[in-house]
Amino acid sequence: MIVGRITAKAQTTIPRAVRLALGLAPGDDVAWEIDGNQVVMTRVHPAADAFVGNFDTFAEWSSDADCAAFDHR
């Protein structure tokens, strides 16, 4: 088990062993998922275009026609 500490500012350092295992580097994004009393952290692999696949977050641009026109998956 790898143990860390939370600072007074609610920050923590991702331990080196975890960074190496996930291939994390400064500036990489991570995602946190709460599962009961556990948290799962995973590396987020960015899309080539940050807007591809994300038009549904904009309610005014979430119609099927908008997604078909702008989402080049």
Protein backbone atom coordinates (compact mmCIF):
# COMPACT_ATOMS: atom_id res chain seq x y z
CA MET A 1 0.00 0.00 0.00
CA ILE A 2 1.24 3.49 -0.88
CA VAL A 3 0.37 6.15 1.69
CA GLY A 4 0.29 9.93 1.24
CA ARG A 5 -0.63 12.94 3.33
CA ILE A 6 -3.09 15.79 2.80
CA THR A 7 -1.73 19.28 3.51
CA ALA A 8 -3.53 22.09 5.34
CA LYS A 9 -4.59 23.37 1.90
CA ALA A 10 -6.18 19.98 1.07
CA GLN A 11 -3.41 19.15 -1.42
CA THR A 12 -1.48 15.94 -1.82
CA THR A 13 1.44 14.72 -3.90
CA ILE A 14 0.91 11.77 -6.19
CA PRO A 15 3.62 9.34 -5.06
CA ARG A 16 6.43 8.58 -7.50
CA ALA A 17 5.49 4.90 -7.76
CA VAL A 18 1.96 5.87 -8.84
CA ARG A 19 3.21 8.48 -11.33
CA LEU A 20 5.54 5.91 -12.87
CA ALA A 21 2.88 3.20 -13.01
CA LEU A 22 0.41 5.52 -14.75
CA GLY A 23 2.98 7.34 -16.86
CA LEU A 24 2.01 10.70 -15.35
CA ALA A 25 3.97 13.86 -16.06
CA PRO A 26 3.53 17.48 -14.96
CA GLY A 27 0.49 18.97 -16.65
CA ASP A 28 -1.29 15.63 -17.18
CA ASP A 29 -4.96 15.40 -16.21
CA VAL A 30 -6.29 12.79 -13.81
CA ALA A 31 -9.86 11.73 -13.05
CA TRP A 32 -11.25 10.80 -9.65
CA GLU A 33 -14.14 8.36 -9.19
CA ILE A 34 -15.77 7.76 -5.81
CA ASP A 35 -16.86 4.16 -5.25
CA GLY A 36 -18.35 3.78 -1.78
CA ASN A 37 -15.54 4.51 0.67
CA GLN A 38 -12.81 4.22 -1.98
CA VAL A 39 -11.52 6.60 -4.64
CA VAL A 40 -10.11 5.46 -7.97
CA MET A 41 -7.74 7.83 -9.76
CA THR A 42 -7.01 7.29 -13.45
CA ARG A 43 -4.95 9.10 -16.04
CA VAL A 44 -7.02 11.04 -18.57
CA HIS A 45 -5.81 10.71 -22.14
CA PRO A 46 -6.67 13.95 -23.90
CA ALA A 47 -8.46 13.86 -27.24
CA ALA A 48 -6.66 15.29 -30.25
CA ASP A 49 -9.26 18.09 -30.19
CA ALA A 50 -10.65 19.07 -26.79
CA PHE A 51 -14.02 19.95 -28.32
CA VAL A 52 -14.56 16.64 -30.13
CA GLY A 53 -17.18 14.66 -28.26
CA ASN A 54 -17.90 17.50 -25.83
CA PHE A 55 -20.70 19.40 -27.54
CA ASP A 56 -23.31 17.72 -25.35
CA THR A 57 -22.02 19.77 -22.39
CA PHE A 58 -23.39 22.88 -24.12
CA ALA A 59 -27.19 22.59 -23.92
CA GLU A 60 -27.67 25.08 -26.75
CA TRP A 61 -25.43 22.99 -29.04
CA SER A 62 -26.51 19.50 -28.08
CA SER A 63 -28.99 18.67 -30.81
CA ASP A 64 -28.31 15.66 -33.02
CA ALA A 65 -27.83 18.00 -36.01
CA ASP A 66 -25.18 20.04 -34.15
CA CYS A 67 -23.33 16.93 -33.03
CA ALA A 68 -23.39 15.52 -36.54
CA ALA A 69 -22.15 18.80 -38.01
CA PHE A 70 -19.37 19.54 -35.55
CA ASP A 71 -18.37 16.27 -33.89
CA HIS A 72 -15.94 14.51 -36.25
CA ARG A 73 -15.54 11.17 -34.43
